[in-house]
């Protein structure tokens, strides 16, 4: 009976150590997940800002293209009005 009790205590101790090891592993995983979540959030914010910037640049390009076409049209109109003097 005493041997049986000692064996049960040893098994119990072994199971307790396994549980503590599993809990420590879980805590490590939770910390890693939390860190990865922070990184993901940071990347998401950066992506949002980059997309916003890209859209603003597209708008600027569109506006500059319109302005350039207007200037070119005005230049063509003015070049028709230029009087060339004979040499």
PDB file of N, CA and C in Angstrom:
ATOM      1  N   UNK A   1       0.833  -1.202   0.000  1.00  0.00           N
ATOM      2  CA  UNK A   1       0.000   0.000   0.000  1.00  0.00           C
ATOM      3  C   UNK A   1       0.869   1.254   0.000  1.00  0.00           C
ATOM      4  N   UNK A   2       1.987   1.186   0.796  1.00  0.00           N
ATOM      5  CA  UNK A   2       2.886   2.334   0.868  1.00  0.00           C
ATOM      6  C   UNK A   2       3.551   2.566  -0.493  1.00  0.00           C
ATOM      7  N   UNK A   3       3.962   1.491  -1.150  1.00  0.00           N
ATOM      8  CA  UNK A   3       4.578   1.610  -2.477  1.00  0.00           C
ATOM      9  C   UNK A   3       3.583   2.182  -3.490  1.00  0.00           C
ATOM     10  N   UNK A   4       2.361   1.718  -3.356  1.00  0.00           N
ATOM     11  CA  UNK A   4       1.311   2.198  -4.260  1.00  0.00           C
ATOM     12  C   UNK A   4       1.082   3.700  -4.060  1.00  0.00           C
ATOM     13  N   UNK A   5       1.128   4.135  -2.790  1.00  0.00           N
ATOM     14  CA  UNK A   5       0.937   5.546  -2.458  1.00  0.00           C
ATOM     15  C   UNK A   5       2.093   6.371  -2.997  1.00  0.00           C
ATOM     16  N   UNK A   6       3.316   5.884  -2.856  1.00  0.00           N
ATOM     17  CA  UNK A   6       4.499   6.585  -3.368  1.00  0.00           C
ATOM     18  C   UNK A   6       4.434   6.692  -4.892  1.00  0.00           C
ATOM     19  N   UNK A   7       4.013   5.622  -5.524  1.00  0.00           N
ATOM     20  CA  UNK A   7       3.892   5.629  -6.985  1.00  0.00           C
ATOM     21  C   UNK A   7       2.840   6.647  -7.435  1.00  0.00           C
ATOM     22  N   UNK A   8       1.729   6.717  -6.725  1.00  0.00           N
ATOM     23  CA  UNK A   8       0.671   7.678  -7.047  1.00  0.00           C
ATOM     24  C   UNK A   8       1.169   9.105  -6.871  1.00  0.00           C
ATOM     25  N   UNK A   9       1.950   9.335  -5.795  1.00  0.00           N
ATOM     26  CA  UNK A   9       2.518  10.675  -5.563  1.00  0.00           C
ATOM     27  C   UNK A   9       3.490  11.048  -6.681  1.00  0.00           C
ATOM     28  N   UNK A  10       4.297  10.104  -7.117  1.00  0.00           N
ATOM     29  CA  UNK A  10       5.261  10.358  -8.193  1.00  0.00           C
ATOM     30  C   UNK A  10       4.528  10.679  -9.493  1.00  0.00           C
ATOM     31  N   UNK A  11       3.483   9.918  -9.781  1.00  0.00           N
ATOM     32  CA  UNK A  11       2.696  10.175 -10.989  1.00  0.00           C
ATOM     33  C   UNK A  11       2.030  11.534 -10.902  1.00  0.00           C
ATOM     34  N   UNK A  12       1.495  11.824  -9.723  1.00  0.00           N
ATOM     35  CA  UNK A  12       0.837  13.114  -9.506  1.00  0.00           C
ATOM     36  C   UNK A  12       1.840  14.262  -9.702  1.00  0.00           C
ATOM     37  N   UNK A  13       3.040  14.099  -9.147  1.00  0.00           N
ATOM     38  CA  UNK A  13       4.086  15.124  -9.281  1.00  0.00           C
ATOM     39  C   UNK A  13       4.467  15.303 -10.752  1.00  0.00           C
ATOM     40  N   UNK A  14       4.593  14.206 -11.460  1.00  0.00           N
ATOM     41  CA  UNK A  14       4.942  14.258 -12.892  1.00  0.00           C
ATOM     42  C   UNK A  14       3.851  14.987 -13.682  1.00  0.00           C
ATOM     43  N   UNK A  15       2.602  14.678 -13.379  1.00  0.00           N
ATOM     44  CA  UNK A  15       1.481  15.338 -14.067  1.00  0.00           C
ATOM     45  C   UNK A  15       1.461  16.830 -13.755  1.00  0.00           C
ATOM     46  N   UNK A  16       1.779  17.177 -12.507  1.00  0.00           N
ATOM     47  CA  UNK A  16       1.810  18.577 -12.112  1.00  0.00           C
ATOM     48  C   UNK A  16       2.904  19.320 -12.890  1.00  0.00           C
ATOM     49  N   UNK A  17       4.070  18.691 -13.026  1.00  0.00           N
ATOM     50  CA  UNK A  17       5.153  19.304 -13.788  1.00  0.00           C
ATOM     51  C   UNK A  17       4.759  19.475 -15.259  1.00  0.00           C
ATOM     52  N   UNK A  18       4.099  18.484 -15.822  1.00  0.00           N
ATOM     53  CA  UNK A  18       3.635  18.571 -17.205  1.00  0.00           C
ATOM     54  C   UNK A  18       2.638  19.715 -17.368  1.00  0.00           C
ATOM     55  N   UNK A  19       1.730  19.842 -16.401  1.00  0.00           N
ATOM     56  CA  UNK A  19       0.740  20.916 -16.456  1.00  0.00           C
ATOM     57  C   UNK A  19       1.407  22.281 -16.371  1.00  0.00           C
ATOM     58  N   UNK A  20       2.377  22.426 -15.461  1.00  0.00           N
ATOM     59  CA  UNK A  20       3.088  23.697 -15.320  1.00  0.00           C
ATOM     60  C   UNK A  20       3.852  24.047 -16.602  1.00  0.00           C
ATOM     61  N   UNK A  21       4.440  23.022 -17.208  1.00  0.00           N
ATOM     62  CA  UNK A  21       5.156  23.235 -18.470  1.00  0.00           C
ATOM     63  C   UNK A  21       4.184  23.680 -19.566  1.00  0.00           C
ATOM     64  N   UNK A  22       3.019  23.038 -19.613  1.00  0.00           N
ATOM     65  CA  UNK A  22       2.006  23.398 -20.607  1.00  0.00           C
ATOM     66  C   UNK A  22       1.501  24.812 -20.366  1.00  0.00           C
ATOM     67  N   UNK A  23       1.311  25.186 -19.114  1.00  0.00           N
ATOM     68  CA  UNK A  23       0.859  26.540 -18.784  1.00  0.00           C
ATOM     69  C   UNK A  23       1.909  27.573 -19.189  1.00  0.00           C
ATOM     70  N   UNK A  24       3.175  27.275 -18.940  1.00  0.00           N
ATOM     71  CA  UNK A  24       4.251  28.182 -19.328  1.00  0.00           C
ATOM     72  C   UNK A  24       4.290  28.341 -20.847  1.00  0.00           C
ATOM     73  N   UNK A  25       4.110  27.235 -21.557  1.00  0.00           N
ATOM     74  CA  UNK A  25       4.071  27.279 -23.023  1.00  0.00           C
ATOM     75  C   UNK A  25       2.905  28.134 -23.505  1.00  0.00           C
ATOM     76  N   UNK A  26       1.758  27.974 -22.858  1.00  0.00           N
ATOM     77  CA  UNK A  26       0.580  28.775 -23.224  1.00  0.00           C
ATOM     78  C   UNK A  26       0.842  30.261 -23.007  1.00  0.00           C
ATOM     79  N   UNK A  27       1.494  30.589 -21.892  1.00  0.00           N
ATOM     80  CA  UNK A  27       1.800  31.993 -21.623  1.00  0.00           C
ATOM     81  C   UNK A  27       2.746  32.561 -22.674  1.00  0.00           C
ATOM     82  N   UNK A  28       3.731  31.764 -23.084  1.00  0.00           N
ATOM     83  CA  UNK A  28       4.641  32.203 -24.143  1.00  0.00           C
ATOM     84  C   UNK A  28       3.883  32.441 -25.446  1.00  0.00           C
ATOM     85  N   UNK A  29       2.986  31.507 -25.773  1.00  0.00           N
ATOM     86  CA  UNK A  29       2.194  31.643 -27.000  1.00  0.00           C
ATOM     87  C   UNK A  29       1.301  32.870 -26.927  1.00  0.00           C
ATOM     88  N   UNK A  30       0.687  33.102 -25.780  1.00  0.00           N
ATOM     89  CA  UNK A  30      -0.180  34.271 -25.617  1.00  0.00           C
ATOM     90  C   UNK A  30       0.618  35.559 -25.790  1.00  0.00           C
ATOM     91  N   UNK A  31       1.829  35.596 -25.238  1.00  0.00           N
ATOM     92  CA  UNK A  31       2.684  36.775 -25.386  1.00  0.00           C
ATOM     93  C   UNK A  31       3.058  36.976 -26.853  1.00  0.00           C
ATOM     94  N   UNK A  32       3.383  35.903 -27.545  1.00  0.00           N
ATOM     95  CA  UNK A  32       3.731  35.984 -28.974  1.00  0.00           C
ATOM     96  C   UNK A  32       2.543  36.467 -29.790  1.00  0.00           C
ATOM     97  N   UNK A  33       1.368  35.941 -29.485  1.00  0.00           N
ATOM     98  CA  UNK A  33       0.150  36.359 -30.191  1.00  0.00           C
ATOM     99  C   UNK A  33      -0.112  37.836 -29.950  1.00  0.00           C
ATOM    100  N   UNK A  34       0.042  38.283 -28.709  1.00  0.00           N
ATOM    101  CA  UNK A  34      -0.171  39.700 -28.396  1.00  0.00           C
ATOM    102  C   UNK A  34       0.807  40.576 -29.181  1.00  0.00           C
ATOM    103  N   UNK A  35       2.052  40.149 -29.247  1.00  0.00           N
ATOM    104  CA  UNK A  35       3.050  40.915 -30.001  1.00  0.00           C
ATOM    105  C   UNK A  35       2.712  40.933 -31.493  1.00  0.00           C
ATOM    106  N   UNK A  36       2.327  39.788 -32.031  1.00  0.00           N
ATOM    107  CA  UNK A  36       1.951  39.723 -33.449  1.00  0.00           C
ATOM    108  C   UNK A  36       0.721  40.583 -33.732  1.00  0.00           C
ATOM    109  N   UNK A  37      -0.215  40.632 -32.796  1.00  0.00           N
ATOM    110  CA  UNK A  37      -1.401  41.483 -32.950  1.00  0.00           C
ATOM    111  C   UNK A  37      -1.011  42.953 -33.007  1.00  0.00           C
ATOM    112  N   UNK A  38      -0.050  43.352 -32.170  1.00  0.00           N
ATOM    113  CA  UNK A  38       0.426  44.742 -32.194  1.00  0.00           C
ATOM    114  C   UNK A  38       1.077  45.056 -33.535  1.00  0.00           C
ATOM    115  N   UNK A  39       1.886  44.124 -34.020  1.00  0.00           N
ATOM    116  CA  UNK A  39       2.555  44.324 -35.318  1.00  0.00           C
ATOM    117  C   UNK A  39       1.504  44.425 -36.422  1.00  0.00           C
ATOM    118  N   UNK A  40       0.522  43.540 -36.391  1.00  0.00           N
ATOM    119  CA  UNK A  40      -0.534  43.561 -37.404  1.00  0.00           C
ATOM    120  C   UNK A  40      -1.295  44.885 -37.369  1.00  0.00           C
ATOM    121  N   UNK A  41      -1.581  45.365 -36.182  1.00  0.00           N
ATOM    122  CA  UNK A  41      -2.291  46.633 -36.039  1.00  0.00           C
ATOM    123  C   UNK A  41      -1.456  47.776 -36.615  1.00  0.00           C
ATOM    124  N   UNK A  42      -0.171  47.754 -36.330  1.00  0.00           N
ATOM    125  CA  UNK A  42       0.737  48.774 -36.848  1.00  0.00           C
ATOM    126  C   UNK A  42       0.786  48.730 -38.371  1.00  0.00           C
ATOM    127  N   UNK A  43       0.863  47.528 -38.934  1.00  0.00           N
ATOM    128  CA  UNK A  43       0.896  47.368 -40.390  1.00  0.00           C
ATOM    129  C   UNK A  43      -0.424  47.846 -40.996  1.00  0.00           C
ATOM    130  N   UNK A  44      -1.520  47.524 -40.339  1.00  0.00           N
ATOM    131  CA  UNK A  44      -2.836  47.947 -40.831  1.00  0.00           C
ATOM    132  C   UNK A  44      -2.917  49.475 -40.875  1.00  0.00           C
ATOM    133  N   UNK A  45      -2.410  50.131 -39.825  1.00  0.00           N
ATOM    134  CA  UNK A  45      -2.417  51.596 -39.771  1.00  0.00           C
ATOM    135  C   UNK A  45      -1.527  52.169 -40.872  1.00  0.00           C
ATOM    136  N   UNK A  46      -0.349  51.587 -41.037  1.00  0.00           N
ATOM    137  CA  UNK A  46       0.577  52.055 -42.069  1.00  0.00           C
ATOM    138  C   UNK A  46      -0.028  51.870 -43.463  1.00  0.00           C
ATOM    139  N   UNK A  47      -0.691  50.739 -43.683  1.00  0.00           N
ATOM    140  CA  UNK A  47      -1.340  50.474 -44.967  1.00  0.00           C
ATOM    141  C   UNK A  47      -2.426  51.511 -45.242  1.00  0.00           C
ATOM    142  N   UNK A  48      -3.208  51.820 -44.227  1.00  0.00           N
ATOM    143  CA  UNK A  48      -4.261  52.837 -44.366  1.00  0.00           C
ATOM    144  C   UNK A  48      -3.651  54.172 -44.774  1.00  0.00           C
ATOM    145  N   UNK A  49      -2.587  54.573 -44.093  1.00  0.00           N
ATOM    146  CA  UNK A  49      -1.952  55.864 -44.390  1.00  0.00           C
ATOM    147  C   UNK A  49      -1.341  55.865 -45.794  1.00  0.00           C
ATOM    148  N   UNK A  50      -0.738  54.752 -46.196  1.00  0.00           N
ATOM    149  CA  UNK A  50      -0.156  54.672 -47.529  1.00  0.00           C
ATOM    150  C   UNK A  50      -1.232  54.736 -48.615  1.00  0.00           C
ATOM    151  N   UNK A  51      -2.348  54.055 -48.395  1.00  0.00           N
ATOM    152  CA  UNK A  51      -3.445  54.105 -49.363  1.00  0.00           C
ATOM    153  C   UNK A  51      -4.006  55.525 -49.460  1.00  0.00           C
ATOM    154  N   UNK A  52      -4.146  56.163 -48.314  1.00  0.00           N
ATOM    155  CA  UNK A  52      -4.646  57.544 -48.295  1.00  0.00           C
ATOM    156  C   UNK A  52      -3.694  58.448 -49.063  1.00  0.00           C
ATOM    157  N   UNK A  53      -2.414  58.294 -48.824  1.00  0.00           N
ATOM    158  CA  UNK A  53      -1.397  59.083 -49.527  1.00  0.00           C
ATOM    159  C   UNK A  53      -1.426  58.797 -51.021  1.00  0.00           C
ATOM    160  N   UNK A  54      -1.555  57.538 -51.402  1.00  0.00           N
ATOM    161  CA  UNK A  54      -1.616  57.166 -52.818  1.00  0.00           C
ATOM    162  C   UNK A  54      -2.825  57.803 -53.491  1.00  0.00           C
ATOM    163  N   UNK A  55      -3.952  57.794 -52.822  1.00  0.00           N
ATOM    164  CA  UNK A  55      -5.155  58.413 -53.383  1.00  0.00           C
ATOM    165  C   UNK A  55      -4.991  59.915 -53.535  1.00  0.00           C
ATOM    166  N   UNK A  56      -4.351  60.556 -52.546  1.00  0.00           N
ATOM    167  CA  UNK A  56      -4.096  61.991 -52.647  1.00  0.00           C
ATOM    168  C   UNK A  56      -3.169  62.292 -53.826  1.00  0.00           C
ATOM    169  N   UNK A  57      -2.155  61.438 -54.007  1.00  0.00           N
ATOM    170  CA  UNK A  57      -1.241  61.628 -55.140  1.00  0.00           C
ATOM    171  C   UNK A  57      -1.963  61.424 -56.472  1.00  0.00           C
ATOM    172  N   UNK A  58      -2.849  60.449 -56.535  1.00  0.00           N
ATOM    173  CA  UNK A  58      -3.633  60.233 -57.760  1.00  0.00           C
ATOM    174  C   UNK A  58      -4.477  61.461 -58.068  1.00  0.00           C
ATOM    175  N   UNK A  59      -5.093  62.043 -57.028  1.00  0.00           N
ATOM    176  CA  UNK A  59      -5.888  63.258 -57.223  1.00  0.00           C
ATOM    177  C   UNK A  59      -5.019  64.401 -57.728  1.00  0.00           C
ATOM    178  N   UNK A  60      -3.822  64.552 -57.151  1.00  0.00           N
ATOM    179  CA  UNK A  60      -2.915  65.613 -57.593  1.00  0.00           C
ATOM    180  C   UNK A  60      -2.509  65.406 -59.048  1.00  0.00           C
ATOM    181  N   UNK A  61      -2.218  64.164 -59.413  1.00  0.00           N
ATOM    182  CA  UNK A  61      -1.838  63.856 -60.798  1.00  0.00           C
ATOM    183  C   UNK A  61      -2.992  64.202 -61.742  1.00  0.00           C
ATOM    184  N   UNK A  62      -4.194  63.827 -61.360  1.00  0.00           N
ATOM    185  CA  UNK A  62      -5.360  64.119 -62.201  1.00  0.00           C
ATOM    186  C   UNK A  62      -5.527  65.629 -62.364  1.00  0.00           C
ATOM    187  N   UNK A  63      -5.404  66.375 -61.273  1.00  0.00           N
ATOM    188  CA  UNK A  63      -5.544  67.831 -61.330  1.00  0.00           C
ATOM    189  C   UNK A  63      -4.441  68.463 -62.174  1.00  0.00           C
ATOM    190  N   UNK A  64      -3.213  67.966 -62.013  1.00  0.00           N
ATOM    191  CA  UNK A  64      -2.104  68.508 -62.798  1.00  0.00           C
ATOM    192  C   UNK A  64      -2.261  68.165 -64.280  1.00  0.00           C
ATOM    193  N   UNK A  65      -2.786  66.999 -64.581  1.00  0.00           N
ATOM    194  CA  UNK A  65      -3.028  66.614 -65.979  1.00  0.00           C
ATOM    195  C   UNK A  65      -4.056  67.547 -66.613  1.00  0.00           C
ATOM    196  N   UNK A  66      -5.111  67.828 -65.873  1.00  0.00           N
ATOM    197  CA  UNK A  66      -6.139  68.756 -66.367  1.00  0.00           C
ATOM    198  C   UNK A  66      -5.523  70.132 -66.594  1.00  0.00           C
ATOM    199  N   UNK A  67      -4.758  70.599 -65.610  1.00  0.00           N
ATOM    200  CA  UNK A  67      -4.126  71.917 -65.731  1.00  0.00           C
ATOM    201  C   UNK A  67      -3.178  71.954 -66.922  1.00  0.00           C
ATOM    202  N   UNK A  68      -2.423  70.886 -67.131  1.00  0.00           N
ATOM    203  CA  UNK A  68      -1.485  70.822 -68.253  1.00  0.00           C
ATOM    204  C   UNK A  68      -2.236  70.882 -69.582  1.00  0.00           C
ATOM    205  N   UNK A  69      -3.321  70.134 -69.700  1.00  0.00           N
ATOM    206  CA  UNK A  69      -4.108  70.161 -70.939  1.00  0.00           C
ATOM    207  C   UNK A  69      -4.680  71.557 -71.186  1.00  0.00           C
ATOM    208  N   UNK A  70      -5.131  72.212 -70.132  1.00  0.00           N
ATOM    209  CA  UNK A  70      -5.656  73.578 -70.283  1.00  0.00           C
ATOM    210  C   UNK A  70      -4.564  74.536 -70.742  1.00  0.00           C
ATOM    211  N   UNK A  71      -3.380  74.391 -70.170  1.00  0.00           N
ATOM    212  CA  UNK A  71      -2.261  75.256 -70.554  1.00  0.00           C
ATOM    213  C   UNK A  71      -1.858  74.993 -72.001  1.00  0.00           C
ATOM    214  N   UNK A  72      -1.827  73.714 -72.372  1.00  0.00           N
ATOM    215  CA  UNK A  72      -1.472  73.380 -73.754  1.00  0.00           C
ATOM    216  C   UNK A  72      -2.505  73.932 -74.743  1.00  0.00           C
ATOM    217  N   UNK A  73      -3.771  73.870 -74.378  1.00  0.00           N
ATOM    218  CA  UNK A  73      -4.833  74.410 -75.234  1.00  0.00           C
ATOM    219  C   UNK A  73      -4.679  75.932 -75.347  1.00  0.00           C
ATOM    220  N   UNK A  74      -4.406  76.567 -74.238  1.00  0.00           N
ATOM    221  CA  UNK A  74      -4.210  78.032 -74.241  1.00  0.00           C
ATOM    222  C   UNK A  74      -2.987  78.387 -75.083  1.00  0.00           C
ATOM    223  N   UNK A  75      -1.932  77.586 -74.980  1.00  0.00           N
ATOM    224  CA  UNK A  75      -0.717  77.831 -75.759  1.00  0.00           C
ATOM    225  C   UNK A  75      -1.008  77.705 -77.253  1.00  0.00           C
ATOM    226  N   UNK A  76      -1.770  76.691 -77.636  1.00  0.00           N
ATOM    227  CA  UNK A  76      -2.131  76.532 -79.053  1.00  0.00           C
ATOM    228  C   UNK A  76      -2.951  77.730 -79.536  1.00  0.00           C
ATOM    229  N   UNK A  77      -3.867  78.174 -78.682  1.00  0.00           N
ATOM    230  CA  UNK A  77      -4.707  79.316 -79.042  1.00  0.00           C
ATOM    231  C   UNK A  77      -3.847  80.562 -79.222  1.00  0.00           C
ATOM    232  N   UNK A  78      -2.922  80.776 -78.307  1.00  0.00           N
ATOM    233  CA  UNK A  78      -2.075  81.961 -78.386  1.00  0.00           C
ATOM    234  C   UNK A  78      -1.107  81.899 -79.569  1.00  0.00           C
ATOM    235  N   UNK A  79      -0.648  80.696 -79.880  1.00  0.00           N
ATOM    236  CA  UNK A  79       0.298  80.583 -80.995  1.00  0.00           C
ATOM    237  C   UNK A  79      -0.377  80.929 -82.319  1.00  0.00           C
ATOM    238  N   UNK A  80      -1.681  80.744 -82.425  1.00  0.00           N
ATOM    239  CA  UNK A  80      -2.420  81.119 -83.618  1.00  0.00           C
ATOM    240  C   UNK A  80      -2.511  82.629 -83.750  1.00  0.00           C
ATOM    241  N   UNK A  81      -2.465  83.319 -82.607  1.00  0.00           N
ATOM    242  CA  UNK A  81      -2.593  84.765 -82.608  1.00  0.00           C
ATOM    243  C   UNK A  81      -1.274  85.502 -82.796  1.00  0.00           C
ATOM    244  N   UNK A  82      -0.171  84.751 -82.744  1.00  0.00           N
ATOM    245  CA  UNK A  82       1.149  85.362 -82.875  1.00  0.00           C
ATOM    246  C   UNK A  82       1.338  85.802 -84.329  1.00  0.00           C
ATOM    247  N   UNK A  83       1.786  87.064 -84.464  1.00  0.00           N
ATOM    248  CA  UNK A  83       2.077  87.577 -85.799  1.00  0.00           C
ATOM    249  C   UNK A  83       3.564  87.411 -86.036  1.00  0.00           C
ATOM    250  N   UNK A  84       3.898  86.738 -87.126  1.00  0.00           N
ATOM    251  CA  UNK A  84       5.293  86.542 -87.459  1.00  0.00           C
ATOM    252  C   UNK A  84       5.718  87.635 -88.418  1.00  0.00           C
ATOM    253  N   UNK A  85       6.778  88.324 -88.070  1.00  0.00           N
ATOM    254  CA  UNK A  85       7.264  89.395 -88.957  1.00  0.00           C
ATOM    255  C   UNK A  85       8.224  88.820 -89.987  1.00  0.00           C
ATOM    256  N   UNK A  86       8.156  89.335 -91.215  1.00  0.00           N
ATOM    257  CA  UNK A  86       9.091  88.855 -92.219  1.00  0.00           C
ATOM    258  C   UNK A  86      10.498  89.333 -91.916  1.00  0.00           C
ATOM    259  N   UNK A  87      11.479  88.566 -92.270  1.00  0.00           N
ATOM    260  CA  UNK A  87      12.877  88.937 -92.002  1.00  0.00           C
ATOM    261  C   UNK A  87      13.351  89.925 -92.970  1.00  0.00           C
TER     262      UNK A  87
END
